[in-house]
PDB file of N, CA and C in Angstrom:
ATOM      1  N   MET A   1      65.762  27.115 -40.470  1.00  0.00           N
ATOM      2  CA  MET A   1      64.804  26.698 -39.440  1.00  0.00           C
ATOM      3  C   MET A   1      63.601  25.997 -40.058  1.00  0.00           C
ATOM      4  N   SER A   2      63.232  26.401 -41.290  1.00  0.00           N
ATOM      5  CA  SER A   2      62.014  25.849 -41.882  1.00  0.00           C
ATOM      6  C   SER A   2      62.136  24.340 -42.107  1.00  0.00           C
ATOM      7  N   GLY A   3      63.352  23.844 -42.328  1.00  0.00           N
ATOM      8  CA  GLY A   3      63.536  22.419 -42.549  1.00  0.00           C
ATOM      9  C   GLY A   3      63.059  21.592 -41.371  1.00  0.00           C
ATOM     10  N   ILE A   4      63.465  21.983 -40.165  1.00  0.00           N
ATOM     11  CA  ILE A   4      63.079  21.225 -38.974  1.00  0.00           C
ATOM     12  C   ILE A   4      61.583  21.391 -38.713  1.00  0.00           C
ATOM     13  N   ASN A   5      61.075  22.591 -39.002  1.00  0.00           N
ATOM     14  CA  ASN A   5      59.644  22.849 -38.823  1.00  0.00           C
ATOM     15  C   ASN A   5      58.817  21.969 -39.763  1.00  0.00           C
ATOM     16  N   ASP A   6      59.273  21.838 -41.003  1.00  0.00           N
ATOM     17  CA  ASP A   6      58.583  20.979 -41.977  1.00  0.00           C
ATOM     18  C   ASP A   6      58.615  19.526 -41.518  1.00  0.00           C
ATOM     19  N   TYR A   7      59.768  19.109 -40.995  1.00  0.00           N
ATOM     20  CA  TYR A   7      59.910  17.734 -40.507  1.00  0.00           C
ATOM     21  C   TYR A   7      58.909  17.462 -39.382  1.00  0.00           C
ATOM     22  N   ILE A   8      58.856  18.373 -38.412  1.00  0.00           N
ATOM     23  CA  ILE A   8      57.945  18.218 -37.271  1.00  0.00           C
ATOM     24  C   ILE A   8      56.501  18.223 -37.759  1.00  0.00           C
ATOM     25  N   ASP A   9      56.188  19.162 -38.627  1.00  0.00           N
ATOM     26  CA  ASP A   9      54.838  19.295 -39.169  1.00  0.00           C
ATOM     27  C   ASP A   9      54.412  17.996 -39.855  1.00  0.00           C
ATOM     28  N   ASN A  10      55.327  17.417 -40.610  1.00  0.00           N
ATOM     29  CA  ASN A  10      55.042  16.175 -41.324  1.00  0.00           C
ATOM     30  C   ASN A  10      54.808  15.015 -40.339  1.00  0.00           C
ATOM     31  N   GLU A  11      55.652  14.924 -39.313  1.00  0.00           N
ATOM     32  CA  GLU A  11      55.487  13.862 -38.307  1.00  0.00           C
ATOM     33  C   GLU A  11      54.128  13.987 -37.611  1.00  0.00           C
ATOM     34  N   VAL A  12      53.789  15.214 -37.249  1.00  0.00           N
ATOM     35  CA  VAL A  12      52.556  15.478 -36.506  1.00  0.00           C
ATOM     36  C   VAL A  12      51.331  15.161 -37.371  1.00  0.00           C
ATOM     37  N   LYS A  13      51.429  15.486 -38.668  1.00  0.00           N
ATOM     38  CA  LYS A  13      50.258  15.334 -39.531  1.00  0.00           C
ATOM     39  C   LYS A  13      50.148  13.956 -40.164  1.00  0.00           C
ATOM     40  N   SER A  14      51.250  13.199 -40.233  1.00  0.00           N
ATOM     41  CA  SER A  14      51.186  11.909 -40.917  1.00  0.00           C
ATOM     42  C   SER A  14      51.049  10.740 -39.937  1.00  0.00           C
ATOM     43  N   ASN A  15      51.086  11.008 -38.638  1.00  0.00           N
ATOM     44  CA  ASN A  15      50.883   9.966 -37.622  1.00  0.00           C
ATOM     45  C   ASN A  15      49.712  10.371 -36.728  1.00  0.00           C
ATOM     46  N   ASP A  16      48.834   9.417 -36.431  1.00  0.00           N
ATOM     47  CA  ASP A  16      47.686   9.745 -35.574  1.00  0.00           C
ATOM     48  C   ASP A  16      48.126  10.210 -34.195  1.00  0.00           C
ATOM     49  N   VAL A  17      49.117   9.508 -33.637  1.00  0.00           N
ATOM     50  CA  VAL A  17      49.590   9.853 -32.295  1.00  0.00           C
ATOM     51  C   VAL A  17      51.118   9.906 -32.324  1.00  0.00           C
ATOM     52  N   VAL A  18      51.670  11.062 -31.952  1.00  0.00           N
ATOM     53  CA  VAL A  18      53.124  11.244 -31.939  1.00  0.00           C
ATOM     54  C   VAL A  18      53.546  11.769 -30.578  1.00  0.00           C
ATOM     55  N   LEU A  19      54.574  11.132 -30.029  1.00  0.00           N
ATOM     56  CA  LEU A  19      55.140  11.592 -28.766  1.00  0.00           C
ATOM     57  C   LEU A  19      56.564  12.057 -29.026  1.00  0.00           C
ATOM     58  N   PHE A  20      56.777  13.369 -28.907  1.00  0.00           N
ATOM     59  CA  PHE A  20      58.142  13.904 -28.961  1.00  0.00           C
ATOM     60  C   PHE A  20      58.691  13.757 -27.556  1.00  0.00           C
ATOM     61  N   MET A  21      59.788  13.017 -27.423  1.00  0.00           N
ATOM     62  CA  MET A  21      60.249  12.609 -26.099  1.00  0.00           C
ATOM     63  C   MET A  21      61.767  12.561 -26.038  1.00  0.00           C
ATOM     64  N   LYS A  22      62.281  12.454 -24.828  1.00  0.00           N
ATOM     65  CA  LYS A  22      63.717  12.229 -24.642  1.00  0.00           C
ATOM     66  C   LYS A  22      63.927  10.723 -24.563  1.00  0.00           C
ATOM     67  N   GLY A  23      64.625  10.194 -25.558  1.00  0.00           N
ATOM     68  CA  GLY A  23      64.812   8.752 -25.648  1.00  0.00           C
ATOM     69  C   GLY A  23      63.794   8.151 -26.609  1.00  0.00           C
ATOM     70  N   THR A  24      63.577   6.849 -26.473  1.00  0.00           N
ATOM     71  CA  THR A  24      62.661   6.123 -27.349  1.00  0.00           C
ATOM     72  C   THR A  24      61.613   5.422 -26.486  1.00  0.00           C
ATOM     73  N   PRO A  25      60.491   4.992 -27.082  1.00  0.00           N
ATOM     74  CA  PRO A  25      59.483   4.288 -26.287  1.00  0.00           C
ATOM     75  C   PRO A  25      60.071   3.074 -25.552  1.00  0.00           C
ATOM     76  N   GLY A  26      61.033   2.385 -26.152  1.00  0.00           N
ATOM     77  CA  GLY A  26      61.648   1.241 -25.495  1.00  0.00           C
ATOM     78  C   GLY A  26      62.670   1.619 -24.444  1.00  0.00           C
ATOM     79  N   PHE A  27      63.190   2.842 -24.547  1.00  0.00           N
ATOM     80  CA  PHE A  27      64.243   3.274 -23.622  1.00  0.00           C
ATOM     81  C   PHE A  27      64.123   4.777 -23.374  1.00  0.00           C
ATOM     82  N   PRO A  28      63.089   5.180 -22.607  1.00  0.00           N
ATOM     83  CA  PRO A  28      62.933   6.611 -22.294  1.00  0.00           C
ATOM     84  C   PRO A  28      64.121   7.106 -21.489  1.00  0.00           C
ATOM     85  N   GLN A  29      64.562   8.320 -21.766  1.00  0.00           N
ATOM     86  CA  GLN A  29      65.730   8.858 -21.063  1.00  0.00           C
ATOM     87  C   GLN A  29      65.397  10.012 -20.131  1.00  0.00           C
ATOM     88  N   CYS A  30      64.107  10.169 -19.817  1.00  0.00           N
ATOM     89  CA  CYS A  30      63.756  11.044 -18.702  1.00  0.00           C
ATOM     90  C   CYS A  30      62.460  10.528 -18.103  1.00  0.00           C
ATOM     91  N   GLY A  31      62.261  10.824 -16.839  1.00  0.00           N
ATOM     92  CA  GLY A  31      61.114  10.290 -16.110  1.00  0.00           C
ATOM     93  C   GLY A  31      59.779  10.715 -16.706  1.00  0.00           C
ATOM     94  N   PHE A  32      59.701  11.963 -17.182  1.00  0.00           N
ATOM     95  CA  PHE A  32      58.436  12.470 -17.712  1.00  0.00           C
ATOM     96  C   PHE A  32      58.084  11.753 -19.017  1.00  0.00           C
ATOM     97  N   SER A  33      59.094  11.564 -19.866  1.00  0.00           N
ATOM     98  CA  SER A  33      58.875  10.809 -21.107  1.00  0.00           C
ATOM     99  C   SER A  33      58.440   9.393 -20.764  1.00  0.00           C
ATOM    100  N   GLY A  34      59.093   8.797 -19.755  1.00  0.00           N
ATOM    101  CA  GLY A  34      58.763   7.447 -19.322  1.00  0.00           C
ATOM    102  C   GLY A  34      57.320   7.319 -18.854  1.00  0.00           C
ATOM    103  N   GLN A  35      56.840   8.337 -18.141  1.00  0.00           N
ATOM    104  CA  GLN A  35      55.455   8.306 -17.657  1.00  0.00           C
ATOM    105  C   GLN A  35      54.472   8.293 -18.818  1.00  0.00           C
ATOM    106  N   LEU A  36      54.742   9.109 -19.838  1.00  0.00           N
ATOM    107  CA  LEU A  36      53.824   9.165 -20.977  1.00  0.00           C
ATOM    108  C   LEU A  36      53.860   7.857 -21.764  1.00  0.00           C
ATOM    109  N   VAL A  37      55.045   7.266 -21.891  1.00  0.00           N
ATOM    110  CA  VAL A  37      55.157   5.962 -22.554  1.00  0.00           C
ATOM    111  C   VAL A  37      54.314   4.931 -21.801  1.00  0.00           C
ATOM    112  N   GLN A  38      54.402   4.937 -20.467  1.00  0.00           N
ATOM    113  CA  GLN A  38      53.628   3.986 -19.648  1.00  0.00           C
ATOM    114  C   GLN A  38      52.125   4.169 -19.864  1.00  0.00           C
ATOM    115  N   ILE A  39      51.686   5.421 -19.898  1.00  0.00           N
ATOM    116  CA  ILE A  39      50.255   5.702 -20.077  1.00  0.00           C
ATOM    117  C   ILE A  39      49.792   5.219 -21.454  1.00  0.00           C
ATOM    118  N   LEU A  40      50.549   5.568 -22.495  1.00  0.00           N
ATOM    119  CA  LEU A  40      50.157   5.179 -23.856  1.00  0.00           C
ATOM    120  C   LEU A  40      50.190   3.661 -24.017  1.00  0.00           C
ATOM    121  N   ASP A  41      51.213   3.035 -23.428  1.00  0.00           N
ATOM    122  CA  ASP A  41      51.307   1.576 -23.512  1.00  0.00           C
ATOM    123  C   ASP A  41      50.166   0.909 -22.739  1.00  0.00           C
ATOM    124  N   TYR A  42      49.820   1.472 -21.600  1.00  0.00           N
ATOM    125  CA  TYR A  42      48.725   0.936 -20.788  1.00  0.00           C
ATOM    126  C   TYR A  42      47.412   0.980 -21.575  1.00  0.00           C
ATOM    127  N   LEU A  43      47.204   2.088 -22.282  1.00  0.00           N
ATOM    128  CA  LEU A  43      45.980   2.237 -23.073  1.00  0.00           C
ATOM    129  C   LEU A  43      46.046   1.413 -24.358  1.00  0.00           C
ATOM    130  N   GLY A  44      47.249   0.973 -24.732  1.00  0.00           N
ATOM    131  CA  GLY A  44      47.396   0.191 -25.941  1.00  0.00           C
ATOM    132  C   GLY A  44      47.232   1.014 -27.205  1.00  0.00           C
ATOM    133  N   VAL A  45      47.616   2.284 -27.119  1.00  0.00           N
ATOM    134  CA  VAL A  45      47.500   3.188 -28.272  1.00  0.00           C
ATOM    135  C   VAL A  45      48.731   3.018 -29.168  1.00  0.00           C
ATOM    136  N   ASP A  46      48.504   2.934 -30.463  1.00  0.00           N
ATOM    137  CA  ASP A  46      49.631   2.941 -31.405  1.00  0.00           C
ATOM    138  C   ASP A  46      50.147   4.359 -31.526  1.00  0.00           C
ATOM    139  N   TYR A  47      51.425   4.547 -31.313  1.00  0.00           N
ATOM    140  CA  TYR A  47      51.979   5.896 -31.432  1.00  0.00           C
ATOM    141  C   TYR A  47      53.397   5.811 -31.948  1.00  0.00           C
ATOM    142  N   LYS A  48      53.881   6.944 -32.431  1.00  0.00           N
ATOM    143  CA  LYS A  48      55.260   7.028 -32.878  1.00  0.00           C
ATOM    144  C   LYS A  48      56.026   7.879 -31.876  1.00  0.00           C
ATOM    145  N   GLY A  49      57.144   7.364 -31.393  1.00  0.00           N
ATOM    146  CA  GLY A  49      58.010   8.144 -30.516  1.00  0.00           C
ATOM    147  C   GLY A  49      59.099   8.805 -31.349  1.00  0.00           C
ATOM    148  N   VAL A  50      59.302  10.099 -31.150  1.00  0.00           N
ATOM    149  CA  VAL A  50      60.370  10.823 -31.836  1.00  0.00           C
ATOM    150  C   VAL A  50      61.355  11.304 -30.779  1.00  0.00           C
ATOM    151  N   ASN A  51      62.601  10.868 -30.895  1.00  0.00           N
ATOM    152  CA  ASN A  51      63.624  11.174 -29.893  1.00  0.00           C
ATOM    153  C   ASN A  51      64.232  12.544 -30.158  1.00  0.00           C
ATOM    154  N   VAL A  52      63.927  13.508 -29.294  1.00  0.00           N
ATOM    155  CA  VAL A  52      64.446  14.864 -29.487  1.00  0.00           C
ATOM    156  C   VAL A  52      65.935  14.961 -29.158  1.00  0.00           C
ATOM    157  N   LEU A  53      66.472  13.917 -28.501  1.00  0.00           N
ATOM    158  CA  LEU A  53      67.903  13.943 -28.179  1.00  0.00           C
ATOM    159  C   LEU A  53      68.760  13.668 -29.415  1.00  0.00           C
ATOM    160  N   ASP A  54      68.105  13.249 -30.517  1.00  0.00           N
ATOM    161  CA  ASP A  54      68.845  12.999 -31.755  1.00  0.00           C
ATOM    162  C   ASP A  54      69.483  14.274 -32.308  1.00  0.00           C
ATOM    163  N   SER A  55      68.849  15.424 -32.058  1.00  0.00           N
ATOM    164  CA  SER A  55      69.449  16.674 -32.538  1.00  0.00           C
ATOM    165  C   SER A  55      68.978  17.863 -31.724  1.00  0.00           C
ATOM    166  N   ASN A  56      69.904  18.793 -31.501  1.00  0.00           N
ATOM    167  CA  ASN A  56      69.571  20.028 -30.788  1.00  0.00           C
ATOM    168  C   ASN A  56      68.541  20.833 -31.560  1.00  0.00           C
ATOM    169  N   GLU A  57      68.653  20.761 -32.897  1.00  0.00           N
ATOM    170  CA  GLU A  57      67.735  21.496 -33.755  1.00  0.00           C
ATOM    171  C   GLU A  57      66.304  21.003 -33.534  1.00  0.00           C
ATOM    172  N   LEU A  58      66.164  19.679 -33.445  1.00  0.00           N
ATOM    173  CA  LEU A  58      64.845  19.098 -33.207  1.00  0.00           C
ATOM    174  C   LEU A  58      64.339  19.442 -31.811  1.00  0.00           C
ATOM    175  N   ARG A  59      65.242  19.375 -30.840  1.00  0.00           N
ATOM    176  CA  ARG A  59      64.836  19.642 -29.456  1.00  0.00           C
ATOM    177  C   ARG A  59      64.323  21.076 -29.316  1.00  0.00           C
ATOM    178  N   GLN A  60      65.002  22.035 -29.960  1.00  0.00           N
ATOM    179  CA  GLN A  60      64.537  23.417 -29.909  1.00  0.00           C
ATOM    180  C   GLN A  60      63.344  23.619 -30.834  1.00  0.00           C
ATOM    181  N   GLY A  61      63.386  22.939 -31.981  1.00  0.00           N
ATOM    182  CA  GLY A  61      62.338  23.100 -32.984  1.00  0.00           C
ATOM    183  C   GLY A  61      60.958  22.724 -32.474  1.00  0.00           C
ATOM    184  N   ILE A  62      60.880  21.646 -31.691  1.00  0.00           N
ATOM    185  CA  ILE A  62      59.573  21.206 -31.207  1.00  0.00           C
ATOM    186  C   ILE A  62      59.013  22.198 -30.187  1.00  0.00           C
ATOM    187  N   LYS A  63      59.894  22.829 -29.431  1.00  0.00           N
ATOM    188  CA  LYS A  63      59.437  23.849 -28.474  1.00  0.00           C
ATOM    189  C   LYS A  63      58.887  25.071 -29.212  1.00  0.00           C
ATOM    190  N   ASP A  64      59.556  25.450 -30.300  1.00  0.00           N
ATOM    191  CA  ASP A  64      59.092  26.580 -31.102  1.00  0.00           C
ATOM    192  C   ASP A  64      57.782  26.234 -31.810  1.00  0.00           C
ATOM    193  N   TYR A  65      57.716  25.007 -32.306  1.00  0.00           N
ATOM    194  CA  TYR A  65      56.554  24.556 -33.082  1.00  0.00           C
ATOM    195  C   TYR A  65      55.278  24.625 -32.241  1.00  0.00           C
ATOM    196  N   SER A  66      55.376  24.158 -30.994  1.00  0.00           N
ATOM    197  CA  SER A  66      54.192  24.082 -30.131  1.00  0.00           C
ATOM    198  C   SER A  66      54.045  25.318 -29.258  1.00  0.00           C
ATOM    199  N   ASN A  67      55.117  26.125 -29.208  1.00  0.00           N
ATOM    200  CA  ASN A  67      55.164  27.240 -28.266  1.00  0.00           C
ATOM    201  C   ASN A  67      54.986  26.715 -26.841  1.00  0.00           C
ATOM    202  N   TRP A  68      55.619  25.573 -26.576  1.00  0.00           N
ATOM    203  CA  TRP A  68      55.530  24.906 -25.271  1.00  0.00           C
ATOM    204  C   TRP A  68      56.961  24.624 -24.832  1.00  0.00           C
ATOM    205  N   PRO A  69      57.346  24.985 -23.593  1.00  0.00           N
ATOM    206  CA  PRO A  69      58.764  24.989 -23.226  1.00  0.00           C
ATOM    207  C   PRO A  69      59.371  23.638 -22.847  1.00  0.00           C
ATOM    208  N   THR A  70      58.542  22.624 -22.644  1.00  0.00           N
ATOM    209  CA  THR A  70      59.099  21.384 -22.115  1.00  0.00           C
ATOM    210  C   THR A  70      58.820  20.190 -23.023  1.00  0.00           C
ATOM    211  N   ILE A  71      59.572  19.136 -22.780  1.00  0.00           N
ATOM    212  CA  ILE A  71      59.429  17.868 -23.477  1.00  0.00           C
ATOM    213  C   ILE A  71      59.204  16.831 -22.377  1.00  0.00           C
ATOM    214  N   PRO A  72      58.372  15.836 -22.538  1.00  0.00           N
ATOM    215  CA  PRO A  72      57.701  15.377 -23.764  1.00  0.00           C
ATOM    216  C   PRO A  72      56.505  16.228 -24.182  1.00  0.00           C
ATOM    217  N   GLN A  73      56.124  16.035 -25.450  1.00  0.00           N
ATOM    218  CA  GLN A  73      54.939  16.670 -26.007  1.00  0.00           C
ATOM    219  C   GLN A  73      54.154  15.620 -26.783  1.00  0.00           C
ATOM    220  N   LEU A  74      52.853  15.579 -26.530  1.00  0.00           N
ATOM    221  CA  LEU A  74      51.993  14.597 -27.188  1.00  0.00           C
ATOM    222  C   LEU A  74      51.082  15.283 -28.200  1.00  0.00           C
ATOM    223  N   TYR A  75      51.062  14.720 -29.397  1.00  0.00           N
ATOM    224  CA  TYR A  75      50.175  15.211 -30.453  1.00  0.00           C
ATOM    225  C   TYR A  75      49.230  14.093 -30.868  1.00  0.00           C
ATOM    226  N   VAL A  76      47.957  14.451 -31.061  1.00  0.00           N
ATOM    227  CA  VAL A  76      46.969  13.487 -31.529  1.00  0.00           C
ATOM    228  C   VAL A  76      46.240  14.099 -32.716  1.00  0.00           C
ATOM    229  N   LYS A  77      46.281  13.401 -33.846  1.00  0.00           N
ATOM    230  CA  LYS A  77      45.613  13.863 -35.075  1.00  0.00           C
ATOM    231  C   LYS A  77      45.997  15.310 -35.392  1.00  0.00           C
ATOM    232  N   GLY A  78      47.277  15.604 -35.261  1.00  0.00           N
ATOM    233  CA  GLY A  78      47.769  16.928 -35.622  1.00  0.00           C
ATOM    234  C   GLY A  78      47.562  17.999 -34.573  1.00  0.00           C
ATOM    235  N   GLU A  79      46.972  17.638 -33.446  1.00  0.00           N
ATOM    236  CA  GLU A  79      46.669  18.621 -32.404  1.00  0.00           C
ATOM    237  C   GLU A  79      47.585  18.413 -31.206  1.00  0.00           C
ATOM    238  N   PHE A  80      48.167  19.516 -30.712  1.00  0.00           N
ATOM    239  CA  PHE A  80      49.016  19.438 -29.520  1.00  0.00           C
ATOM    240  C   PHE A  80      48.131  19.211 -28.298  1.00  0.00           C
ATOM    241  N   VAL A  81      48.374  18.110 -27.592  1.00  0.00           N
ATOM    242  CA  VAL A  81      47.570  17.792 -26.406  1.00  0.00           C
ATOM    243  C   VAL A  81      48.198  18.406 -25.159  1.00  0.00           C
ATOM    244  N   GLY A  82      49.511  18.202 -24.979  1.00  0.00           N
ATOM    245  CA  GLY A  82      50.173  18.777 -23.821  1.00  0.00           C
ATOM    246  C   GLY A  82      51.404  17.990 -23.436  1.00  0.00           C
ATOM    247  N   GLY A  83      51.942  18.358 -22.291  1.00  0.00           N
ATOM    248  CA  GLY A  83      53.116  17.694 -21.754  1.00  0.00           C
ATOM    249  C   GLY A  83      52.715  16.669 -20.710  1.00  0.00           C
ATOM    250  N   CYS A  84      53.681  16.279 -19.906  1.00  0.00           N
ATOM    251  CA  CYS A  84      53.488  15.186 -18.961  1.00  0.00           C
ATOM    252  C   CYS A  84      52.353  15.458 -17.976  1.00  0.00           C
ATOM    253  N   ASP A  85      52.350  16.623 -17.339  1.00  0.00           N
ATOM    254  CA  ASP A  85      51.354  16.903 -16.292  1.00  0.00           C
ATOM    255  C   ASP A  85      49.940  16.877 -16.854  1.00  0.00           C
ATOM    256  N   ILE A  86      49.747  17.550 -17.986  1.00  0.00           N
ATOM    257  CA  ILE A  86      48.422  17.642 -18.599  1.00  0.00           C
ATOM    258  C   ILE A  86      47.929  16.253 -18.990  1.00  0.00           C
ATOM    259  N   VAL A  87      48.782  15.498 -19.672  1.00  0.00           N
ATOM    260  CA  VAL A  87      48.376  14.171 -20.143  1.00  0.00           C
ATOM    261  C   VAL A  87      48.102  13.240 -18.962  1.00  0.00           C
ATOM    262  N   ARG A  88      48.943  13.318 -17.930  1.00  0.00           N
ATOM    263  CA  ARG A  88      48.738  12.473 -16.752  1.00  0.00           C
ATOM    264  C   ARG A  88      47.412  12.822 -16.060  1.00  0.00           C
ATOM    265  N   GLU A  89      47.123  14.116 -15.934  1.00  0.00           N
ATOM    266  CA  GLU A  89      45.865  14.527 -15.300  1.00  0.00           C
ATOM    267  C   GLU A  89      44.668  14.068 -16.119  1.00  0.00           C
ATOM    268  N   MET A  90      44.766  14.201 -17.444  1.00  0.00           N
ATOM    269  CA  MET A  90      43.683  13.739 -18.322  1.00  0.00           C
ATOM    270  C   MET A  90      43.474  12.231 -18.158  1.00  0.00           C
ATOM    271  N   PHE A  91      44.596  11.502 -18.085  1.00  0.00           N
ATOM    272  CA  PHE A  91      44.527  10.042 -17.933  1.00  0.00           C
ATOM    273  C   PHE A  91      43.846   9.671 -16.619  1.00  0.00           C
ATOM    274  N   GLN A  92      44.266  10.326 -15.533  1.00  0.00           N
ATOM    275  CA  GLN A  92      43.724   9.996 -14.209  1.00  0.00           C
ATOM    276  C   GLN A  92      42.244  10.331 -14.113  1.00  0.00           C
ATOM    277  N   ALA A  93      41.807  11.333 -14.879  1.00  0.00           N
ATOM    278  CA  ALA A  93      40.394  11.736 -14.855  1.00  0.00           C
ATOM    279  C   ALA A  93      39.575  10.990 -15.911  1.00  0.00           C
ATOM    280  N   ASN A  94      40.216  10.015 -16.588  1.00  0.00           N
ATOM    281  CA  ASN A  94      39.599   9.273 -17.687  1.00  0.00           C
ATOM    282  C   ASN A  94      39.256  10.149 -18.893  1.00  0.00           C
ATOM    283  N   GLU A  95      39.813  11.356 -18.945  1.00  0.00           N
ATOM    284  CA  GLU A  95      39.543  12.252 -20.080  1.00  0.00           C
ATOM    285  C   GLU A  95      40.390  11.880 -21.282  1.00  0.00           C
ATOM    286  N   LEU A  96      41.567  11.333 -21.031  1.00  0.00           N
ATOM    287  CA  LEU A  96      42.463  10.981 -22.134  1.00  0.00           C
ATOM    288  C   LEU A  96      41.836   9.869 -22.976  1.00  0.00           C
ATOM    289  N   GLN A  97      41.238   8.892 -22.293  1.00  0.00           N
ATOM    290  CA  GLN A  97      40.601   7.780 -22.972  1.00  0.00           C
ATOM    291  C   GLN A  97      39.481   8.291 -23.884  1.00  0.00           C
ATOM    292  N   SER A  98      38.625   9.187 -23.359  1.00  0.00           N
ATOM    293  CA  SER A  98      37.522   9.730 -24.175  1.00  0.00           C
ATOM    294  C   SER A  98      38.057  10.587 -25.305  1.00  0.00           C
ATOM    295  N   PHE A  99      39.142  11.318 -25.018  1.00  0.00           N
ATOM    296  CA  PHE A  99      39.754  12.168 -26.035  1.00  0.00           C
ATOM    297  C   PHE A  99      40.217  11.325 -27.226  1.00  0.00           C
ATOM    298  N   PHE A 100      40.904  10.218 -26.941  1.00  0.00           N
ATOM    299  CA  PHE A 100      41.346   9.320 -28.015  1.00  0.00           C
ATOM    300  C   PHE A 100      40.144   8.787 -28.795  1.00  0.00           C
ATOM    301  N   GLU A 101      39.102   8.402 -28.073  1.00  0.00           N
ATOM    302  CA  GLU A 101      37.915   7.861 -28.737  1.00  0.00           C
ATOM    303  C   GLU A 101      37.268   8.899 -29.637  1.00  0.00           C
ATOM    304  N   GLU A 102      37.148  10.146 -29.130  1.00  0.00           N
ATOM    305  CA  GLU A 102      36.580  11.235 -29.932  1.00  0.00           C
ATOM    306  C   GLU A 102      37.381  11.458 -31.209  1.00  0.00           C
ATOM    307  N   LYS A 103      38.697  11.296 -31.093  1.00  0.00           N
ATOM    308  CA  LYS A 103      39.567  11.540 -32.238  1.00  0.00           C
ATOM    309  C   LYS A 103      39.650  10.315 -33.165  1.00  0.00           C
ATOM    310  N   GLY A 104      38.991   9.241 -32.760  1.00  0.00           N
ATOM    311  CA  GLY A 104      38.994   8.046 -33.584  1.00  0.00           C
ATOM    312  C   GLY A 104      40.268   7.229 -33.478  1.00  0.00           C
ATOM    313  N   VAL A 105      40.959   7.355 -32.341  1.00  0.00           N
ATOM    314  CA  VAL A 105      42.191   6.573 -32.112  1.00  0.00           C
ATOM    315  C   VAL A 105      41.827   5.343 -31.282  1.00  0.00           C
ATOM    316  N   ALA A 106      42.192   4.168 -31.776  1.00  0.00           N
ATOM    317  CA  ALA A 106      41.827   2.927 -31.101  1.00  0.00           C
ATOM    318  C   ALA A 106      42.600   2.750 -29.800  1.00  0.00           C
ATOM    319  N   ILE A 107      41.867   2.337 -28.759  1.00  0.00           N
ATOM    320  CA  ILE A 107      42.475   1.997 -27.474  1.00  0.00           C
ATOM    321  C   ILE A 107      42.307   0.498 -27.279  1.00  0.00           C
ATOM    322  N   LYS A 108      43.430  -0.201 -27.116  1.00  0.00           N
ATOM    323  CA  LYS A 108      43.353  -1.664 -26.970  1.00  0.00           C
ATOM    324  C   LYS A 108      43.428  -2.102 -25.520  1.00  0.00           C
ATOM    325  N   GLY A 109      43.932  -1.215 -24.665  1.00  0.00           N
ATOM    326  CA  GLY A 109      44.206  -1.601 -23.284  1.00  0.00           C
ATOM    327  C   GLY A 109      42.977  -1.542 -22.401  1.00  0.00           C
ATOM    328  N   ALA A 110      43.208  -1.584 -21.105  1.00  0.00           N
ATOM    329  CA  ALA A 110      42.133  -1.526 -20.125  1.00  0.00           C
ATOM    330  C   ALA A 110      41.413  -0.192 -20.239  1.00  0.00           C
ATOM    331  N   ALA A 111      40.105  -0.209 -20.063  1.00  0.00           N
ATOM    332  CA  ALA A 111      39.323   1.026 -20.181  1.00  0.00           C
ATOM    333  C   ALA A 111      39.455   1.863 -18.927  1.00  0.00           C
TER     334      ALA A 111
END
């Protein structure tokens, strides 16, 4: 189990913004993952998408890592932000934009 945990830990810590999702940013394979891709793309944030459908070990591993039962999961600067509902609510309240700014993540899109 530690192998997958190390992999996840490395992805989370070596990328400013990581989205663990079903599918890829270019081809999301679930609606919730798609919504987060749309939000991140709208904000123009650079992020890495990690497809949990690539392996069952990864799909279970990310849930254990965050102690969060659902996918997608968004991490910023090594910190678990949340899943689709949380991120969408933050976005709608303009909190996500400020959160990225506080963390020093560049937003290129509309404010």
